[in-house]
Each structure stands twice: as structure tokens, then as C-alpha cells.
């Protein structure tokens, strides 16, 4: 199993032009799509990309570990340079790398603000009170629906 920071570093290494907001949202979509792809129901979620759950923050889902890793710059300023400077030694297996690349191809073209808007329009974030963890069952339930069922 990986950590949220491992996945964030994968995206930064793939494209170092990504913003901090884009990194958070790409990791979030990786997290949710892994849950949907590698589990059979919302009642038995045993396969996860990593253990940390996203929290519902004002601008969408956030992984606190990534936020803290990018907060190391002067005066608490958030910047991905802090994340990049830390060692990256995580070797991703093929199925994970394929999923992350697919997430990047689908969502990597959107700005951080657009991704923030997208995540805040989805039920898992809307159903969660600010600063609380988004439930894996809500993620599975929402993202396993077809597009017609979501609207």
C-alpha cells in the first residue's frame, strides 16, 4: 500500500507544472477510482490505494498529509516545491501506475479551480460536513453510478 504523498509525488514527477490544488484533486480522484475499480460493493471496501481518507475542506477534498508536506515553506505558505524536495523512492506496481495515468489523462487537463468546482459538485463532498472525513462508502456509492444515475 502507498501513501497519499507517494501518489502526489507521482503526479508532480509526471508534470511539474501542476498546481497544489490540481495535485490534491488528482490524488483524490485516484483514491476514489481505486476504490471503485478494486472493490465489489460499498459494504466490503478492503482494497484502497492508501489508508488516509480525504477531508471535506472549503475548496473540495484534501489529504492533510499532502497539505502538511507542501506547507513547509516560509510562513506556512503552501507550495509543491516542498513536496518535490523530499525523497521519492516509491515504486508503483503496474495496475496502480496504469490507474494513475488514466486519472491524469482524464483530469490533468483541468485547472485547479475547475477540479475544485467538480469535486464540490459531487455527493461525497456535499454530504460531508467541513473538516470531516469523506466516507469510503459515499465515494463508492456515488462513483460507481452511471452518469445518468448521478443527475
N, C-alpha and C. Protein backbone atom coordinates (compact mmCIF):
# COMPACT_ATOMS: atom_id res chain seq x y z
N UNK A 1 0.85 -1.18 0.00
CA UNK A 1 0.00 0.00 0.00
C UNK A 1 0.89 1.24 0.00
N UNK A 2 0.36 2.26 -0.58
CA UNK A 2 1.11 3.50 -0.73
C UNK A 2 0.62 4.54 0.28
N UNK A 3 1.17 5.74 0.17
CA UNK A 3 0.68 6.87 0.97
C UNK A 3 0.15 7.93 0.01
N UNK A 4 -0.62 8.85 0.54
CA UNK A 4 -1.12 9.95 -0.28
C UNK A 4 0.04 10.75 -0.86
N UNK A 5 1.11 10.88 -0.09
CA UNK A 5 2.28 11.63 -0.57
C UNK A 5 2.96 10.91 -1.73
N UNK A 6 3.02 9.58 -1.69
CA UNK A 6 3.57 8.82 -2.82
C UNK A 6 2.83 9.15 -4.10
N UNK A 7 1.51 9.19 -4.02
CA UNK A 7 0.69 9.44 -5.20
C UNK A 7 0.85 10.90 -5.66
N UNK A 8 0.91 11.82 -4.72
CA UNK A 8 1.13 13.23 -5.07
C UNK A 8 2.46 13.38 -5.80
N UNK A 9 3.49 12.72 -5.32
CA UNK A 9 4.81 12.83 -5.96
C UNK A 9 4.80 12.22 -7.35
N UNK A 10 4.02 11.16 -7.54
CA UNK A 10 3.89 10.57 -8.88
C UNK A 10 3.39 11.64 -9.86
N UNK A 11 2.33 12.37 -9.47
CA UNK A 11 1.77 13.38 -10.36
C UNK A 11 2.74 14.54 -10.59
N UNK A 12 3.44 14.95 -9.55
CA UNK A 12 4.41 16.04 -9.70
C UNK A 12 5.55 15.61 -10.63
N UNK A 13 5.99 14.36 -10.51
CA UNK A 13 7.04 13.86 -11.40
C UNK A 13 6.54 13.71 -12.83
N UNK A 14 5.25 13.45 -12.99
CA UNK A 14 4.66 13.33 -14.32
C UNK A 14 4.55 14.71 -14.98
N UNK A 15 4.20 15.72 -14.17
CA UNK A 15 4.04 17.07 -14.70
C UNK A 15 4.32 18.07 -13.58
N UNK A 16 5.51 18.66 -13.59
CA UNK A 16 5.86 19.57 -12.51
C UNK A 16 5.23 20.95 -12.65
N UNK A 17 4.37 21.13 -13.65
CA UNK A 17 3.63 22.38 -13.81
C UNK A 17 2.30 22.36 -13.05
N UNK A 18 1.94 21.21 -12.48
CA UNK A 18 0.68 21.12 -11.74
C UNK A 18 0.70 22.05 -10.54
N UNK A 19 -0.46 22.63 -10.23
CA UNK A 19 -0.57 23.47 -9.05
C UNK A 19 -0.86 22.60 -7.83
N UNK A 20 -0.76 23.19 -6.67
CA UNK A 20 -1.03 22.48 -5.43
C UNK A 20 -2.48 21.98 -5.41
N UNK A 21 -3.40 22.79 -5.88
CA UNK A 21 -4.81 22.41 -5.93
C UNK A 21 -5.03 21.24 -6.89
N UNK A 22 -4.39 21.29 -8.05
CA UNK A 22 -4.50 20.18 -9.00
C UNK A 22 -3.96 18.88 -8.39
N UNK A 23 -2.85 18.97 -7.70
CA UNK A 23 -2.25 17.78 -7.09
C UNK A 23 -3.23 17.14 -6.10
N UNK A 24 -3.82 17.95 -5.24
CA UNK A 24 -4.78 17.43 -4.26
C UNK A 24 -5.95 16.72 -4.96
N UNK A 25 -6.48 17.35 -5.98
CA UNK A 25 -7.66 16.79 -6.64
C UNK A 25 -7.32 15.55 -7.47
N UNK A 26 -6.14 15.52 -8.10
CA UNK A 26 -5.72 14.32 -8.83
C UNK A 26 -5.53 13.14 -7.88
N UNK A 27 -4.98 13.40 -6.72
CA UNK A 27 -4.83 12.34 -5.72
C UNK A 27 -6.21 11.88 -5.26
N UNK A 28 -7.11 12.82 -5.06
CA UNK A 28 -8.48 12.46 -4.66
C UNK A 28 -9.14 11.56 -5.70
N UNK A 29 -9.09 11.95 -6.97
CA UNK A 29 -9.72 11.12 -8.00
C UNK A 29 -9.04 9.76 -8.12
N UNK A 30 -7.75 9.71 -7.89
CA UNK A 30 -7.05 8.41 -7.88
C UNK A 30 -7.57 7.54 -6.75
N UNK A 31 -7.72 8.15 -5.59
CA UNK A 31 -8.22 7.45 -4.41
C UNK A 31 -9.62 6.88 -4.67
N UNK A 32 -10.53 7.71 -5.21
CA UNK A 32 -11.90 7.24 -5.40
C UNK A 32 -12.00 6.20 -6.52
N UNK A 33 -11.26 6.40 -7.60
CA UNK A 33 -11.35 5.43 -8.69
C UNK A 33 -10.71 4.10 -8.33
N UNK A 34 -9.71 4.12 -7.48
CA UNK A 34 -9.12 2.86 -6.99
C UNK A 34 -10.16 2.10 -6.17
N UNK A 35 -10.87 2.80 -5.32
CA UNK A 35 -11.91 2.15 -4.50
C UNK A 35 -12.97 1.52 -5.39
N UNK A 36 -13.43 2.26 -6.39
CA UNK A 36 -14.49 1.74 -7.28
C UNK A 36 -13.98 0.57 -8.12
N UNK A 37 -12.78 0.68 -8.65
CA UNK A 37 -12.26 -0.34 -9.56
C UNK A 37 -11.90 -1.65 -8.85
N UNK A 38 -11.40 -1.58 -7.63
CA UNK A 38 -10.85 -2.77 -6.97
C UNK A 38 -11.66 -3.26 -5.77
N UNK A 39 -12.93 -2.86 -5.70
CA UNK A 39 -13.85 -3.37 -4.68
C UNK A 39 -15.18 -3.71 -5.34
N UNK A 40 -15.91 -4.65 -4.73
CA UNK A 40 -17.15 -5.12 -5.34
C UNK A 40 -18.41 -4.48 -4.81
N UNK A 41 -18.33 -3.88 -3.63
CA UNK A 41 -19.51 -3.23 -3.07
C UNK A 41 -19.10 -2.22 -2.02
N UNK A 42 -20.04 -1.35 -1.69
CA UNK A 42 -19.75 -0.33 -0.68
C UNK A 42 -19.67 -0.94 0.72
N UNK A 43 -20.19 -2.14 0.86
CA UNK A 43 -20.20 -2.80 2.17
C UNK A 43 -18.93 -3.59 2.48
N UNK A 44 -18.07 -3.74 1.49
CA UNK A 44 -16.84 -4.50 1.73
C UNK A 44 -15.66 -3.84 1.01
N UNK A 45 -15.32 -2.64 1.45
CA UNK A 45 -14.20 -1.91 0.85
C UNK A 45 -12.93 -2.33 1.58
N UNK A 46 -12.17 -3.19 0.93
CA UNK A 46 -10.93 -3.70 1.53
C UNK A 46 -9.70 -3.28 0.74
N UNK A 47 -9.89 -2.95 -0.52
CA UNK A 47 -8.77 -2.54 -1.37
C UNK A 47 -8.77 -1.02 -1.52
N UNK A 48 -7.71 -0.42 -1.00
CA UNK A 48 -7.58 1.03 -1.07
C UNK A 48 -6.17 1.37 -1.55
N UNK A 49 -6.05 2.50 -2.19
CA UNK A 49 -4.76 2.97 -2.69
C UNK A 49 -3.85 3.31 -1.52
N UNK A 50 -4.43 3.89 -0.47
CA UNK A 50 -3.73 4.20 0.78
C UNK A 50 -4.78 4.38 1.87
N UNK A 51 -4.34 4.39 3.12
CA UNK A 51 -5.28 4.41 4.25
C UNK A 51 -5.89 5.76 4.56
N UNK A 52 -5.20 6.83 4.32
CA UNK A 52 -5.70 8.17 4.68
C UNK A 52 -6.96 8.50 3.90
N UNK A 53 -7.95 9.01 4.61
CA UNK A 53 -9.18 9.44 3.95
C UNK A 53 -9.13 10.95 3.68
N UNK A 54 -9.77 11.37 2.60
CA UNK A 54 -9.82 12.81 2.33
C UNK A 54 -10.77 13.51 3.30
N UNK A 55 -10.48 14.75 3.57
CA UNK A 55 -11.37 15.57 4.38
C UNK A 55 -12.07 16.57 3.47
N UNK A 56 -13.29 16.93 3.85
CA UNK A 56 -14.05 17.93 3.11
C UNK A 56 -13.61 19.31 3.60
N UNK A 57 -12.90 20.03 2.75
CA UNK A 57 -12.48 21.39 3.06
C UNK A 57 -13.25 22.35 2.16
N UNK A 58 -13.09 23.62 2.40
CA UNK A 58 -13.83 24.66 1.68
C UNK A 58 -13.73 24.51 0.16
N UNK A 59 -12.54 24.19 -0.35
CA UNK A 59 -12.34 24.10 -1.80
C UNK A 59 -12.30 22.67 -2.31
N UNK A 60 -12.93 21.77 -1.57
CA UNK A 60 -13.02 20.38 -2.01
C UNK A 60 -12.23 19.45 -1.13
N UNK A 61 -12.14 18.19 -1.54
CA UNK A 61 -11.44 17.18 -0.74
C UNK A 61 -9.94 17.48 -0.63
N UNK A 62 -9.40 17.25 0.55
CA UNK A 62 -7.98 17.49 0.83
C UNK A 62 -7.43 16.34 1.65
N UNK A 63 -6.23 15.92 1.31
CA UNK A 63 -5.49 14.96 2.14
C UNK A 63 -4.55 15.77 3.00
N UNK A 64 -4.74 15.68 4.31
CA UNK A 64 -3.99 16.51 5.24
C UNK A 64 -2.49 16.26 5.13
N UNK A 65 -2.08 15.01 4.91
CA UNK A 65 -0.64 14.71 4.81
C UNK A 65 0.00 15.46 3.65
N UNK A 66 -0.70 15.56 2.54
CA UNK A 66 -0.17 16.31 1.37
C UNK A 66 -0.13 17.80 1.70
N UNK A 67 -1.20 18.29 2.29
CA UNK A 67 -1.25 19.70 2.68
C UNK A 67 -0.08 20.03 3.60
N UNK A 68 0.16 19.19 4.59
CA UNK A 68 1.26 19.42 5.53
C UNK A 68 2.62 19.33 4.83
N UNK A 69 2.77 18.39 3.90
CA UNK A 69 4.04 18.23 3.18
C UNK A 69 4.34 19.44 2.31
N UNK A 70 3.31 20.09 1.81
CA UNK A 70 3.51 21.27 0.95
C UNK A 70 3.53 22.56 1.75
N UNK A 71 3.33 22.47 3.06
CA UNK A 71 3.25 23.64 3.91
C UNK A 71 4.59 24.01 4.54
N UNK A 72 5.64 23.34 4.17
CA UNK A 72 6.93 23.53 4.83
C UNK A 72 7.64 24.82 4.46
N UNK A 73 7.17 25.52 3.47
CA UNK A 73 7.84 26.75 3.04
C UNK A 73 7.66 27.86 4.08
N UNK A 74 8.39 28.93 3.91
CA UNK A 74 8.36 30.05 4.85
C UNK A 74 6.94 30.53 5.14
N UNK A 75 6.69 30.82 6.39
CA UNK A 75 5.43 31.41 6.86
C UNK A 75 4.21 30.55 6.54
N UNK A 76 4.38 29.23 6.45
CA UNK A 76 3.26 28.34 6.23
C UNK A 76 2.68 28.38 4.82
N UNK A 77 3.35 29.06 3.91
CA UNK A 77 2.89 29.15 2.53
C UNK A 77 2.84 27.75 1.91
N UNK A 78 1.82 27.46 1.15
CA UNK A 78 1.68 26.16 0.52
C UNK A 78 2.39 26.19 -0.83
N UNK A 79 3.33 25.26 -1.02
CA UNK A 79 3.98 25.17 -2.33
C UNK A 79 4.47 23.75 -2.59
N UNK A 80 4.33 23.34 -3.82
CA UNK A 80 4.68 21.96 -4.18
C UNK A 80 6.18 21.73 -4.14
N UNK A 81 6.98 22.77 -4.15
CA UNK A 81 8.44 22.61 -4.10
C UNK A 81 8.84 21.81 -2.87
N UNK A 82 8.16 22.06 -1.77
CA UNK A 82 8.45 21.34 -0.54
C UNK A 82 8.20 19.84 -0.72
N UNK A 83 7.17 19.51 -1.43
CA UNK A 83 6.85 18.11 -1.71
C UNK A 83 7.89 17.50 -2.63
N UNK A 84 8.30 18.22 -3.64
CA UNK A 84 9.28 17.74 -4.62
C UNK A 84 10.63 17.48 -3.96
N UNK A 85 11.00 18.33 -3.02
CA UNK A 85 12.33 18.23 -2.41
C UNK A 85 12.50 16.98 -1.56
N UNK A 86 11.41 16.41 -1.09
CA UNK A 86 11.52 15.20 -0.29
C UNK A 86 11.83 14.01 -1.19
N UNK A 87 12.56 13.06 -0.66
CA UNK A 87 12.96 11.87 -1.44
C UNK A 87 11.75 11.17 -2.05
N UNK A 88 11.88 10.71 -3.27
CA UNK A 88 10.84 9.92 -3.91
C UNK A 88 11.41 8.56 -4.26
N UNK A 89 11.08 7.57 -3.45
CA UNK A 89 11.63 6.23 -3.66
C UNK A 89 10.54 5.19 -3.89
N UNK A 90 9.31 5.60 -3.96
CA UNK A 90 8.20 4.67 -4.06
C UNK A 90 8.10 4.08 -5.47
N UNK A 91 8.09 2.77 -5.55
CA UNK A 91 7.93 2.07 -6.82
C UNK A 91 6.48 1.62 -6.92
N UNK A 92 5.78 2.12 -7.91
CA UNK A 92 4.37 1.79 -8.10
C UNK A 92 4.22 0.52 -8.93
N UNK A 93 3.28 -0.34 -8.55
CA UNK A 93 3.02 -1.52 -9.37
C UNK A 93 2.30 -1.10 -10.65
N UNK A 94 2.27 -2.00 -11.61
CA UNK A 94 1.71 -1.67 -12.93
C UNK A 94 0.24 -1.27 -12.88
N UNK A 95 -0.58 -2.00 -12.11
CA UNK A 95 -2.01 -1.67 -12.08
C UNK A 95 -2.24 -0.28 -11.49
N UNK A 96 -1.44 0.07 -10.48
CA UNK A 96 -1.57 1.40 -9.88
C UNK A 96 -1.09 2.47 -10.83
N UNK A 97 0.03 2.24 -11.46
CA UNK A 97 0.57 3.22 -12.40
C UNK A 97 -0.40 3.43 -13.57
N UNK A 98 -1.01 2.37 -14.05
CA UNK A 98 -1.99 2.49 -15.14
C UNK A 98 -3.20 3.32 -14.71
N UNK A 99 -3.69 3.08 -13.49
CA UNK A 99 -4.83 3.82 -12.99
C UNK A 99 -4.48 5.30 -12.82
N UNK A 100 -3.32 5.58 -12.25
CA UNK A 100 -2.91 6.97 -12.04
C UNK A 100 -2.74 7.71 -13.37
N UNK A 101 -2.18 7.02 -14.34
CA UNK A 101 -2.00 7.66 -15.64
C UNK A 101 -3.36 7.95 -16.29
N UNK A 102 -4.30 7.04 -16.14
CA UNK A 102 -5.64 7.25 -16.67
C UNK A 102 -6.31 8.44 -15.97
N UNK A 103 -6.18 8.52 -14.66
CA UNK A 103 -6.72 9.66 -13.91
C UNK A 103 -6.10 10.96 -14.43
N UNK A 104 -4.80 10.94 -14.64
CA UNK A 104 -4.12 12.13 -15.16
C UNK A 104 -4.64 12.51 -16.54
N UNK A 105 -4.83 11.53 -17.42
CA UNK A 105 -5.32 11.80 -18.78
C UNK A 105 -6.73 12.40 -18.74
N UNK A 106 -7.56 11.94 -17.81
CA UNK A 106 -8.94 12.43 -17.73
C UNK A 106 -9.02 13.79 -17.03
N UNK A 107 -8.33 13.92 -15.90
CA UNK A 107 -8.50 15.11 -15.06
C UNK A 107 -7.34 16.11 -15.11
N UNK A 108 -6.19 15.69 -15.60
CA UNK A 108 -5.00 16.55 -15.59
C UNK A 108 -5.10 17.77 -16.46
N UNK A 109 -6.03 17.78 -17.39
CA UNK A 109 -6.20 18.93 -18.30
C UNK A 109 -6.98 20.08 -17.66
N UNK A 110 -7.58 19.83 -16.50
CA UNK A 110 -8.40 20.85 -15.85
C UNK A 110 -7.58 21.68 -14.87
N UNK A 111 -7.95 22.94 -14.74
CA UNK A 111 -7.28 23.83 -13.77
C UNK A 111 -7.65 23.38 -12.35
N UNK A 112 -6.89 23.87 -11.40
CA UNK A 112 -7.19 23.58 -10.00
C UNK A 112 -8.58 24.07 -9.61
N UNK A 113 -8.95 25.26 -10.08
CA UNK A 113 -10.27 25.80 -9.76
C UNK A 113 -11.39 24.96 -10.35
N UNK A 114 -11.21 24.50 -11.57
CA UNK A 114 -12.22 23.65 -12.20
C UNK A 114 -12.35 22.33 -11.45
N UNK A 115 -11.21 21.73 -11.10
CA UNK A 115 -11.24 20.48 -10.33
C UNK A 115 -11.90 20.68 -8.97
N UNK A 116 -11.62 21.81 -8.35
CA UNK A 116 -12.25 22.14 -7.07
C UNK A 116 -13.76 22.22 -7.22
N UNK A 117 -14.21 22.91 -8.26
CA UNK A 117 -15.65 23.02 -8.53
C UNK A 117 -16.27 21.65 -8.79
N UNK A 118 -15.55 20.82 -9.55
CA UNK A 118 -16.06 19.49 -9.87
C UNK A 118 -16.26 18.68 -8.59
N UNK A 119 -15.25 18.64 -7.74
CA UNK A 119 -15.33 17.82 -6.53
C UNK A 119 -16.40 18.33 -5.58
N UNK A 120 -16.61 19.65 -5.55
CA UNK A 120 -17.62 20.22 -4.65
C UNK A 120 -19.04 20.05 -5.19
N UNK A 121 -19.16 19.66 -6.45
CA UNK A 121 -20.50 19.40 -7.01
C UNK A 121 -20.90 17.93 -6.85
N UNK A 122 -20.01 17.12 -6.34
CA UNK A 122 -20.25 15.67 -6.22
C UNK A 122 -20.73 15.33 -4.81
N UNK A 123 -21.60 14.33 -4.72
CA UNK A 123 -22.23 13.95 -3.46
C UNK A 123 -21.28 13.65 -2.30
N UNK A 124 -20.16 12.94 -2.49
CA UNK A 124 -19.33 12.65 -1.32
C UNK A 124 -18.89 13.91 -0.57
N UNK A 125 -18.52 14.96 -1.29
CA UNK A 125 -18.13 16.22 -0.63
C UNK A 125 -19.36 16.92 -0.07
N UNK A 126 -20.45 16.96 -0.85
CA UNK A 126 -21.66 17.66 -0.42
C UNK A 126 -22.28 17.03 0.82
N UNK A 127 -22.16 15.72 0.99
CA UNK A 127 -22.76 15.02 2.12
C UNK A 127 -21.91 15.10 3.40
N UNK A 128 -20.70 15.65 3.29
CA UNK A 128 -19.78 15.66 4.42
C UNK A 128 -19.64 17.07 4.98
N UNK A 129 -19.75 17.18 6.29
CA UNK A 129 -19.54 18.48 6.95
C UNK A 129 -18.09 18.89 6.79
N UNK A 130 -17.85 20.19 6.67
CA UNK A 130 -16.49 20.69 6.51
C UNK A 130 -15.58 20.19 7.63
N UNK A 131 -14.36 19.86 7.22
CA UNK A 131 -13.29 19.38 8.07
C UNK A 131 -13.52 17.97 8.63
N UNK A 132 -14.51 17.26 8.09
CA UNK A 132 -14.72 15.86 8.44
C UNK A 132 -14.26 14.97 7.30
N UNK A 133 -14.01 13.71 7.62
CA UNK A 133 -13.56 12.76 6.59
C UNK A 133 -14.72 12.36 5.68
N UNK A 134 -14.40 12.27 4.41
CA UNK A 134 -15.36 11.77 3.43
C UNK A 134 -15.38 10.25 3.55
N UNK A 135 -16.55 9.68 3.63
CA UNK A 135 -16.68 8.24 3.84
C UNK A 135 -16.42 7.46 2.54
N UNK A 136 -15.69 6.37 2.69
CA UNK A 136 -15.43 5.50 1.54
C UNK A 136 -16.72 4.94 0.95
N UNK A 137 -17.70 4.68 1.80
CA UNK A 137 -18.98 4.15 1.29
C UNK A 137 -19.68 5.19 0.41
N UNK A 138 -19.61 6.47 0.79
CA UNK A 138 -20.19 7.53 -0.04
C UNK A 138 -19.46 7.63 -1.37
N UNK A 139 -18.14 7.50 -1.32
CA UNK A 139 -17.33 7.53 -2.55
C UNK A 139 -17.74 6.39 -3.48
N UNK A 140 -17.79 5.18 -2.95
CA UNK A 140 -18.13 4.02 -3.78
C UNK A 140 -19.53 4.17 -4.35
N UNK A 141 -20.46 4.54 -3.51
CA UNK A 141 -21.86 4.66 -3.93
C UNK A 141 -22.00 5.68 -5.07
N UNK A 142 -21.38 6.83 -4.94
CA UNK A 142 -21.51 7.87 -5.94
C UNK A 142 -20.76 7.54 -7.23
N UNK A 143 -19.50 7.15 -7.12
CA UNK A 143 -18.67 6.97 -8.31
C UNK A 143 -18.92 5.66 -9.05
N UNK A 144 -19.65 4.75 -8.44
CA UNK A 144 -19.98 3.51 -9.15
C UNK A 144 -21.29 3.64 -9.94
N UNK A 145 -21.99 4.76 -9.76
CA UNK A 145 -23.22 5.01 -10.52
C UNK A 145 -22.88 5.43 -11.94
N UNK A 146 -23.79 5.20 -12.84
CA UNK A 146 -23.63 5.71 -14.20
C UNK A 146 -23.88 7.22 -14.19
N UNK A 147 -23.48 7.91 -15.23
CA UNK A 147 -23.70 9.36 -15.30
C UNK A 147 -25.17 9.73 -15.23
N UNK A 148 -26.05 8.91 -15.81
CA UNK A 148 -27.48 9.21 -15.77
C UNK A 148 -28.02 9.11 -14.35
N UNK A 149 -27.51 8.15 -13.58
CA UNK A 149 -27.98 7.98 -12.21
C UNK A 149 -27.53 9.12 -11.30
N UNK A 150 -26.42 9.77 -11.65
CA UNK A 150 -25.90 10.86 -10.82
C UNK A 150 -26.72 12.13 -10.95
N UNK A 151 -27.43 12.29 -12.05
CA UNK A 151 -28.16 13.54 -12.30
C UNK A 151 -29.63 13.37 -12.13
